[in-house]
């Protein structure tokens, strides 16, 4: 897995951005602050509760604070994310 920051977080910043990419992997996380993601390449499976949605390149998603999400891909995926730092 590769994670990079595109916008660094400084003392008074309200937004942070970066991207992630990985191959044939899965992980679960709790969204800590509102987040927007755009799938740049590949296929992303998002599971929230018992519902799974599949996103492909060009799709955009919004996640509210506090939601638990399982991210996975059967092949590879690259996504850009912007977070609203509280």
PDB file of N, CA and C in Angstrom:
ATOM      1  N   UNK A   1       0.844  -1.167   0.000  1.00  0.00           N
ATOM      2  CA  UNK A   1       0.000   0.000   0.000  1.00  0.00           C
ATOM      3  C   UNK A   1       0.888   1.228   0.000  1.00  0.00           C
ATOM      4  N   UNK A   2       0.460   2.242  -0.724  1.00  0.00           N
ATOM      5  CA  UNK A   2       1.209   3.486  -0.811  1.00  0.00           C
ATOM      6  C   UNK A   2       0.293   4.633  -0.444  1.00  0.00           C
ATOM      7  N   UNK A   3       0.716   5.495   0.466  1.00  0.00           N
ATOM      8  CA  UNK A   3      -0.059   6.652   0.888  1.00  0.00           C
ATOM      9  C   UNK A   3       0.833   7.880   0.791  1.00  0.00           C
ATOM     10  N   UNK A   4       0.321   8.960   0.218  1.00  0.00           N
ATOM     11  CA  UNK A   4       1.103  10.190   0.101  1.00  0.00           C
ATOM     12  C   UNK A   4       0.237  11.392   0.405  1.00  0.00           C
ATOM     13  N   UNK A   5       0.818  12.400   1.030  1.00  0.00           N
ATOM     14  CA  UNK A   5       0.119  13.653   1.289  1.00  0.00           C
ATOM     15  C   UNK A   5       0.345  14.596   0.126  1.00  0.00           C
ATOM     16  N   UNK A   6      -0.743  15.165  -0.378  1.00  0.00           N
ATOM     17  CA  UNK A   6      -0.639  16.168  -1.435  1.00  0.00           C
ATOM     18  C   UNK A   6      -0.658  17.569  -0.840  1.00  0.00           C
ATOM     19  N   UNK A   7      -1.414  17.760   0.221  1.00  0.00           N
ATOM     20  CA  UNK A   7      -1.460  19.026   0.933  1.00  0.00           C
ATOM     21  C   UNK A   7      -1.079  18.734   2.371  1.00  0.00           C
ATOM     22  N   UNK A   8      -0.011  19.319   2.841  1.00  0.00           N
ATOM     23  CA  UNK A   8       0.419  19.080   4.209  1.00  0.00           C
ATOM     24  C   UNK A   8      -0.501  19.750   5.209  1.00  0.00           C
ATOM     25  N   UNK A   9      -0.557  19.198   6.379  1.00  0.00           N
ATOM     26  CA  UNK A   9      -1.375  19.771   7.435  1.00  0.00           C
ATOM     27  C   UNK A   9      -0.497  20.709   8.254  1.00  0.00           C
ATOM     28  N   UNK A  10      -0.877  21.973   8.322  1.00  0.00           N
ATOM     29  CA  UNK A  10      -0.165  22.927   9.172  1.00  0.00           C
ATOM     30  C   UNK A  10      -1.107  23.353  10.294  1.00  0.00           C
ATOM     31  N   UNK A  11      -0.621  24.176  11.189  1.00  0.00           N
ATOM     32  CA  UNK A  11      -1.377  24.532  12.386  1.00  0.00           C
ATOM     33  C   UNK A  11      -2.781  25.059  12.114  1.00  0.00           C
ATOM     34  N   UNK A  12      -2.962  25.864  11.071  1.00  0.00           N
ATOM     35  CA  UNK A  12      -4.271  26.469  10.834  1.00  0.00           C
ATOM     36  C   UNK A  12      -4.992  25.908   9.604  1.00  0.00           C
ATOM     37  N   UNK A  13      -4.513  24.803   9.038  1.00  0.00           N
ATOM     38  CA  UNK A  13      -5.126  24.211   7.852  1.00  0.00           C
ATOM     39  C   UNK A  13      -6.488  23.622   8.179  1.00  0.00           C
ATOM     40  N   UNK A  14      -7.419  23.742   7.248  1.00  0.00           N
ATOM     41  CA  UNK A  14      -8.742  23.149   7.392  1.00  0.00           C
ATOM     42  C   UNK A  14      -8.918  21.934   6.495  1.00  0.00           C
ATOM     43  N   UNK A  15      -8.031  21.786   5.504  1.00  0.00           N
ATOM     44  CA  UNK A  15      -8.116  20.657   4.577  1.00  0.00           C
ATOM     45  C   UNK A  15      -6.785  19.925   4.520  1.00  0.00           C
ATOM     46  N   UNK A  16      -6.873  18.628   4.302  1.00  0.00           N
ATOM     47  CA  UNK A  16      -5.694  17.815   4.020  1.00  0.00           C
ATOM     48  C   UNK A  16      -6.046  16.941   2.829  1.00  0.00           C
ATOM     49  N   UNK A  17      -5.074  16.639   1.996  1.00  0.00           N
ATOM     50  CA  UNK A  17      -5.333  15.818   0.814  1.00  0.00           C
ATOM     51  C   UNK A  17      -4.176  14.877   0.571  1.00  0.00           C
ATOM     52  N   UNK A  18      -4.450  13.826  -0.133  1.00  0.00           N
ATOM     53  CA  UNK A  18      -3.419  12.864  -0.473  1.00  0.00           C
ATOM     54  C   UNK A  18      -3.986  11.804  -1.388  1.00  0.00           C
ATOM     55  N   UNK A  19      -3.219  10.768  -1.631  1.00  0.00           N
ATOM     56  CA  UNK A  19      -3.751   9.655  -2.405  1.00  0.00           C
ATOM     57  C   UNK A  19      -3.207   8.348  -1.859  1.00  0.00           C
ATOM     58  N   UNK A  20      -3.945   7.295  -2.194  1.00  0.00           N
ATOM     59  CA  UNK A  20      -3.568   5.938  -1.779  1.00  0.00           C
ATOM     60  C   UNK A  20      -3.657   5.036  -2.997  1.00  0.00           C
ATOM     61  N   UNK A  21      -2.813   4.037  -3.012  1.00  0.00           N
ATOM     62  CA  UNK A  21      -2.931   3.001  -4.029  1.00  0.00           C
ATOM     63  C   UNK A  21      -2.496   1.677  -3.437  1.00  0.00           C
ATOM     64  N   UNK A  22      -3.167   0.619  -3.852  1.00  0.00           N
ATOM     65  CA  UNK A  22      -2.807  -0.715  -3.374  1.00  0.00           C
ATOM     66  C   UNK A  22      -3.323  -1.766  -4.344  1.00  0.00           C
ATOM     67  N   UNK A  23      -2.819  -2.976  -4.199  1.00  0.00           N
ATOM     68  CA  UNK A  23      -3.203  -4.113  -5.047  1.00  0.00           C
ATOM     69  C   UNK A  23      -3.740  -5.241  -4.185  1.00  0.00           C
ATOM     70  N   UNK A  24      -4.820  -5.855  -4.641  1.00  0.00           N
ATOM     71  CA  UNK A  24      -5.422  -7.037  -4.013  1.00  0.00           C
ATOM     72  C   UNK A  24      -5.325  -6.999  -2.485  1.00  0.00           C
ATOM     73  N   UNK A  25      -5.960  -6.001  -1.896  1.00  0.00           N
ATOM     74  CA  UNK A  25      -5.904  -5.842  -0.449  1.00  0.00           C
ATOM     75  C   UNK A  25      -7.235  -5.329   0.073  1.00  0.00           C
ATOM     76  N   UNK A  26      -7.375  -5.374   1.397  1.00  0.00           N
ATOM     77  CA  UNK A  26      -8.587  -4.917   2.052  1.00  0.00           C
ATOM     78  C   UNK A  26      -8.230  -4.378   3.435  1.00  0.00           C
ATOM     79  N   UNK A  27      -8.910  -3.309   3.857  1.00  0.00           N
ATOM     80  CA  UNK A  27      -8.734  -2.804   5.214  1.00  0.00           C
ATOM     81  C   UNK A  27     -10.004  -2.074   5.638  1.00  0.00           C
ATOM     82  N   UNK A  28     -10.207  -1.990   6.929  1.00  0.00           N
ATOM     83  CA  UNK A  28     -11.368  -1.299   7.487  1.00  0.00           C
ATOM     84  C   UNK A  28     -10.886  -0.116   8.306  1.00  0.00           C
ATOM     85  N   UNK A  29     -11.632   0.986   8.226  1.00  0.00           N
ATOM     86  CA  UNK A  29     -11.282   2.164   9.019  1.00  0.00           C
ATOM     87  C   UNK A  29     -12.534   2.950   9.367  1.00  0.00           C
ATOM     88  N   UNK A  30     -12.428   3.743  10.421  1.00  0.00           N
ATOM     89  CA  UNK A  30     -13.482   4.669  10.799  1.00  0.00           C
ATOM     90  C   UNK A  30     -13.080   6.045  10.292  1.00  0.00           C
ATOM     91  N   UNK A  31     -13.965   6.690   9.553  1.00  0.00           N
ATOM     92  CA  UNK A  31     -13.688   8.017   9.008  1.00  0.00           C
ATOM     93  C   UNK A  31     -13.682   9.015  10.167  1.00  0.00           C
ATOM     94  N   UNK A  32     -12.558   9.705  10.346  1.00  0.00           N
ATOM     95  CA  UNK A  32     -12.389  10.610  11.484  1.00  0.00           C
ATOM     96  C   UNK A  32     -12.897  12.023  11.228  1.00  0.00           C
ATOM     97  N   UNK A  33     -12.970  12.432   9.969  1.00  0.00           N
ATOM     98  CA  UNK A  33     -13.516  13.744   9.609  1.00  0.00           C
ATOM     99  C   UNK A  33     -14.119  13.614   8.216  1.00  0.00           C
ATOM    100  N   UNK A  34     -15.055  14.498   7.847  1.00  0.00           N
ATOM    101  CA  UNK A  34     -15.685  14.390   6.529  1.00  0.00           C
ATOM    102  C   UNK A  34     -14.633  14.260   5.426  1.00  0.00           C
ATOM    103  N   UNK A  35     -14.938  13.424   4.438  1.00  0.00           N
ATOM    104  CA  UNK A  35     -13.940  13.088   3.413  1.00  0.00           C
ATOM    105  C   UNK A  35     -14.592  12.917   2.054  1.00  0.00           C
ATOM    106  N   UNK A  36     -13.902  13.395   1.018  1.00  0.00           N
ATOM    107  CA  UNK A  36     -14.299  13.170  -0.369  1.00  0.00           C
ATOM    108  C   UNK A  36     -13.182  12.389  -1.038  1.00  0.00           C
ATOM    109  N   UNK A  37     -13.539  11.369  -1.799  1.00  0.00           N
ATOM    110  CA  UNK A  37     -12.557  10.579  -2.530  1.00  0.00           C
ATOM    111  C   UNK A  37     -12.936  10.470  -3.997  1.00  0.00           C
ATOM    112  N   UNK A  38     -11.938  10.436  -4.856  1.00  0.00           N
ATOM    113  CA  UNK A  38     -12.145  10.252  -6.292  1.00  0.00           C
ATOM    114  C   UNK A  38     -11.280   9.080  -6.732  1.00  0.00           C
ATOM    115  N   UNK A  39     -11.901   8.118  -7.389  1.00  0.00           N
ATOM    116  CA  UNK A  39     -11.150   6.971  -7.892  1.00  0.00           C
ATOM    117  C   UNK A  39     -10.444   7.404  -9.165  1.00  0.00           C
ATOM    118  N   UNK A  40      -9.120   7.330  -9.146  1.00  0.00           N
ATOM    119  CA  UNK A  40      -8.318   7.763 -10.291  1.00  0.00           C
ATOM    120  C   UNK A  40      -8.104   6.628 -11.283  1.00  0.00           C
ATOM    121  N   UNK A  41      -7.970   5.407 -10.752  1.00  0.00           N
ATOM    122  CA  UNK A  41      -7.669   4.266 -11.609  1.00  0.00           C
ATOM    123  C   UNK A  41      -8.060   2.991 -10.876  1.00  0.00           C
ATOM    124  N   UNK A  42      -8.548   2.004 -11.599  1.00  0.00           N
ATOM    125  CA  UNK A  42      -8.853   0.708 -11.007  1.00  0.00           C
ATOM    126  C   UNK A  42     -10.282   0.598 -10.509  1.00  0.00           C
ATOM    127  N   UNK A  43     -10.476  -0.327  -9.583  1.00  0.00           N
ATOM    128  CA  UNK A  43     -11.808  -0.641  -9.054  1.00  0.00           C
ATOM    129  C   UNK A  43     -11.752  -0.693  -7.540  1.00  0.00           C
ATOM    130  N   UNK A  44     -12.698  -0.005  -6.884  1.00  0.00           N
ATOM    131  CA  UNK A  44     -12.743   0.058  -5.433  1.00  0.00           C
ATOM    132  C   UNK A  44     -14.067  -0.495  -4.937  1.00  0.00           C
ATOM    133  N   UNK A  45     -14.001  -1.455  -4.018  1.00  0.00           N
ATOM    134  CA  UNK A  45     -15.196  -1.998  -3.382  1.00  0.00           C
ATOM    135  C   UNK A  45     -15.299  -1.369  -1.999  1.00  0.00           C
ATOM    136  N   UNK A  46     -16.443  -0.762  -1.712  1.00  0.00           N
ATOM    137  CA  UNK A  46     -16.681  -0.109  -0.427  1.00  0.00           C
ATOM    138  C   UNK A  46     -17.821  -0.821   0.276  1.00  0.00           C
ATOM    139  N   UNK A  47     -17.560  -1.314   1.472  1.00  0.00           N
ATOM    140  CA  UNK A  47     -18.598  -1.993   2.243  1.00  0.00           C
ATOM    141  C   UNK A  47     -18.896  -1.183   3.493  1.00  0.00           C
ATOM    142  N   UNK A  48     -20.164  -0.822   3.619  1.00  0.00           N
ATOM    143  CA  UNK A  48     -20.656  -0.100   4.784  1.00  0.00           C
ATOM    144  C   UNK A  48     -21.808  -0.922   5.325  1.00  0.00           C
ATOM    145  N   UNK A  49     -21.632  -1.463   6.529  1.00  0.00           N
ATOM    146  CA  UNK A  49     -22.632  -2.388   7.058  1.00  0.00           C
ATOM    147  C   UNK A  49     -22.672  -3.634   6.197  1.00  0.00           C
ATOM    148  N   UNK A  50     -23.832  -3.970   5.668  1.00  0.00           N
ATOM    149  CA  UNK A  50     -23.956  -5.162   4.816  1.00  0.00           C
ATOM    150  C   UNK A  50     -24.039  -4.811   3.335  1.00  0.00           C
ATOM    151  N   UNK A  51     -23.896  -3.523   2.996  1.00  0.00           N
ATOM    152  CA  UNK A  51     -24.014  -3.085   1.610  1.00  0.00           C
ATOM    153  C   UNK A  51     -22.642  -2.797   1.006  1.00  0.00           C
ATOM    154  N   UNK A  52     -22.395  -3.350  -0.191  1.00  0.00           N
ATOM    155  CA  UNK A  52     -21.149  -3.104  -0.910  1.00  0.00           C
ATOM    156  C   UNK A  52     -21.449  -2.374  -2.210  1.00  0.00           C
ATOM    157  N   UNK A  53     -20.698  -1.314  -2.458  1.00  0.00           N
ATOM    158  CA  UNK A  53     -20.788  -0.568  -3.714  1.00  0.00           C
ATOM    159  C   UNK A  53     -19.451  -0.684  -4.426  1.00  0.00           C
ATOM    160  N   UNK A  54     -19.497  -0.707  -5.744  1.00  0.00           N
ATOM    161  CA  UNK A  54     -18.286  -0.807  -6.552  1.00  0.00           C
ATOM    162  C   UNK A  54     -18.102   0.491  -7.327  1.00  0.00           C
ATOM    163  N   UNK A  55     -16.934   1.110  -7.142  1.00  0.00           N
ATOM    164  CA  UNK A  55     -16.603   2.330  -7.857  1.00  0.00           C
ATOM    165  C   UNK A  55     -15.479   2.083  -8.845  1.00  0.00           C
ATOM    166  N   UNK A  56     -15.508   2.854  -9.920  1.00  0.00           N
ATOM    167  CA  UNK A  56     -14.480   2.749 -10.963  1.00  0.00           C
ATOM    168  C   UNK A  56     -13.920   4.136 -11.254  1.00  0.00           C
ATOM    169  N   UNK A  57     -12.883   4.183 -12.059  1.00  0.00           N
ATOM    170  CA  UNK A  57     -12.208   5.444 -12.375  1.00  0.00           C
ATOM    171  C   UNK A  57     -13.206   6.535 -12.741  1.00  0.00           C
ATOM    172  N   UNK A  58     -13.043   7.694 -12.093  1.00  0.00           N
ATOM    173  CA  UNK A  58     -13.918   8.830 -12.334  1.00  0.00           C
ATOM    174  C   UNK A  58     -15.030   8.970 -11.313  1.00  0.00           C
ATOM    175  N   UNK A  59     -15.332   7.926 -10.565  1.00  0.00           N
ATOM    176  CA  UNK A  59     -16.386   8.000  -9.548  1.00  0.00           C
ATOM    177  C   UNK A  59     -15.898   8.794  -8.339  1.00  0.00           C
ATOM    178  N   UNK A  60     -16.826   9.552  -7.736  1.00  0.00           N
ATOM    179  CA  UNK A  60     -16.524  10.344  -6.551  1.00  0.00           C
ATOM    180  C   UNK A  60     -17.400   9.846  -5.412  1.00  0.00           C
ATOM    181  N   UNK A  61     -16.861   9.886  -4.185  1.00  0.00           N
ATOM    182  CA  UNK A  61     -17.635   9.438  -3.033  1.00  0.00           C
ATOM    183  C   UNK A  61     -17.461  10.404  -1.872  1.00  0.00           C
ATOM    184  N   UNK A  62     -18.475  10.465  -1.010  1.00  0.00           N
ATOM    185  CA  UNK A  62     -18.423  11.306   0.185  1.00  0.00           C
ATOM    186  C   UNK A  62     -18.666  10.416   1.399  1.00  0.00           C
ATOM    187  N   UNK A  63     -17.861  10.608   2.451  1.00  0.00           N
ATOM    188  CA  UNK A  63     -18.020   9.846   3.680  1.00  0.00           C
ATOM    189  C   UNK A  63     -18.158  10.814   4.849  1.00  0.00           C
ATOM    190  N   UNK A  64     -19.254  10.706   5.608  1.00  0.00           N
ATOM    191  CA  UNK A  64     -19.397  11.556   6.785  1.00  0.00           C
ATOM    192  C   UNK A  64     -18.525  11.045   7.934  1.00  0.00           C
ATOM    193  N   UNK A  65     -18.261  11.911   8.863  1.00  0.00           N
ATOM    194  CA  UNK A  65     -17.476  11.565  10.041  1.00  0.00           C
ATOM    195  C   UNK A  65     -18.145  10.425  10.827  1.00  0.00           C
ATOM    196  N   UNK A  66     -17.316   9.480  11.301  1.00  0.00           N
ATOM    197  CA  UNK A  66     -17.789   8.417  12.181  1.00  0.00           C
ATOM    198  C   UNK A  66     -18.244   7.139  11.512  1.00  0.00           C
ATOM    199  N   UNK A  67     -18.298   7.091  10.186  1.00  0.00           N
ATOM    200  CA  UNK A  67     -18.764   5.896   9.488  1.00  0.00           C
ATOM    201  C   UNK A  67     -17.634   4.863   9.400  1.00  0.00           C
ATOM    202  N   UNK A  68     -17.968   3.587   9.552  1.00  0.00           N
ATOM    203  CA  UNK A  68     -17.003   2.493   9.403  1.00  0.00           C
ATOM    204  C   UNK A  68     -17.098   1.950   7.984  1.00  0.00           C
ATOM    205  N   UNK A  69     -15.962   1.887   7.296  1.00  0.00           N
ATOM    206  CA  UNK A  69     -15.924   1.459   5.896  1.00  0.00           C
ATOM    207  C   UNK A  69     -14.844   0.408   5.709  1.00  0.00           C
ATOM    208  N   UNK A  70     -15.166  -0.630   4.935  1.00  0.00           N
ATOM    209  CA  UNK A  70     -14.152  -1.581   4.495  1.00  0.00           C
ATOM    210  C   UNK A  70     -13.848  -1.271   3.029  1.00  0.00           C
ATOM    211  N   UNK A  71     -12.582  -0.978   2.758  1.00  0.00           N
ATOM    212  CA  UNK A  71     -12.094  -0.699   1.406  1.00  0.00           C
ATOM    213  C   UNK A  71     -11.434  -1.969   0.901  1.00  0.00           C
ATOM    214  N   UNK A  72     -11.697  -2.340  -0.364  1.00  0.00           N
ATOM    215  CA  UNK A  72     -11.007  -3.502  -0.933  1.00  0.00           C
ATOM    216  C   UNK A  72     -10.949  -3.354  -2.448  1.00  0.00           C
ATOM    217  N   UNK A  73     -10.055  -4.118  -3.044  1.00  0.00           N
ATOM    218  CA  UNK A  73      -9.972  -4.171  -4.502  1.00  0.00           C
ATOM    219  C   UNK A  73      -9.544  -5.583  -4.911  1.00  0.00           C
ATOM    220  N   UNK A  74     -10.173  -6.127  -5.950  1.00  0.00           N
ATOM    221  CA  UNK A  74      -9.774  -7.449  -6.432  1.00  0.00           C
ATOM    222  C   UNK A  74      -8.523  -7.383  -7.314  1.00  0.00           C
ATOM    223  N   UNK A  75      -8.165  -6.173  -7.750  1.00  0.00           N
ATOM    224  CA  UNK A  75      -7.000  -5.995  -8.627  1.00  0.00           C
ATOM    225  C   UNK A  75      -6.112  -4.895  -8.066  1.00  0.00           C
ATOM    226  N   UNK A  76      -6.321  -3.666  -8.513  1.00  0.00           N
ATOM    227  CA  UNK A  76      -5.579  -2.519  -7.975  1.00  0.00           C
ATOM    228  C   UNK A  76      -6.478  -1.297  -8.025  1.00  0.00           C
ATOM    229  N   UNK A  77      -6.115  -0.302  -7.209  1.00  0.00           N
ATOM    230  CA  UNK A  77      -6.896   0.932  -7.184  1.00  0.00           C
ATOM    231  C   UNK A  77      -5.984   2.085  -6.760  1.00  0.00           C
ATOM    232  N   UNK A  78      -6.296   3.263  -7.278  1.00  0.00           N
ATOM    233  CA  UNK A  78      -5.602   4.488  -6.868  1.00  0.00           C
ATOM    234  C   UNK A  78      -6.682   5.529  -6.648  1.00  0.00           C
ATOM    235  N   UNK A  79      -6.712   6.155  -5.459  1.00  0.00           N
ATOM    236  CA  UNK A  79      -7.724   7.137  -5.139  1.00  0.00           C
ATOM    237  C   UNK A  79      -7.087   8.400  -4.554  1.00  0.00           C
ATOM    238  N   UNK A  80      -7.711   9.554  -4.843  1.00  0.00           N
ATOM    239  CA  UNK A  80      -7.318  10.822  -4.235  1.00  0.00           C
ATOM    240  C   UNK A  80      -8.365  11.164  -3.189  1.00  0.00           C
ATOM    241  N   UNK A  81      -7.923  11.707  -2.054  1.00  0.00           N
ATOM    242  CA  UNK A  81      -8.833  12.027  -0.950  1.00  0.00           C
ATOM    243  C   UNK A  81      -8.592  13.444  -0.452  1.00  0.00           C
ATOM    244  N   UNK A  82      -9.678  14.107  -0.041  1.00  0.00           N
ATOM    245  CA  UNK A  82      -9.608  15.407   0.620  1.00  0.00           C
ATOM    246  C   UNK A  82     -10.410  15.292   1.898  1.00  0.00           C
ATOM    247  N   UNK A  83      -9.792  15.671   3.016  1.00  0.00           N
ATOM    248  CA  UNK A  83     -10.425  15.598   4.326  1.00  0.00           C
ATOM    249  C   UNK A  83     -10.620  16.998   4.882  1.00  0.00           C
ATOM    250  N   UNK A  84     -11.733  17.193   5.572  1.00  0.00           N
ATOM    251  CA  UNK A  84     -11.997  18.429   6.293  1.00  0.00           C
ATOM    252  C   UNK A  84     -11.530  18.229   7.721  1.00  0.00           C
ATOM    253  N   UNK A  85     -10.406  18.809   8.046  1.00  0.00           N
ATOM    254  CA  UNK A  85      -9.824  18.648   9.376  1.00  0.00           C
ATOM    255  C   UNK A  85     -10.598  19.520  10.348  1.00  0.00           C
ATOM    256  N   UNK A  86     -11.034  18.948  11.415  1.00  0.00           N
ATOM    257  CA  UNK A  86     -11.835  19.681  12.418  1.00  0.00           C
ATOM    258  C   UNK A  86     -10.950  20.259  13.482  1.00  0.00           C
TER     259      UNK A  86
END
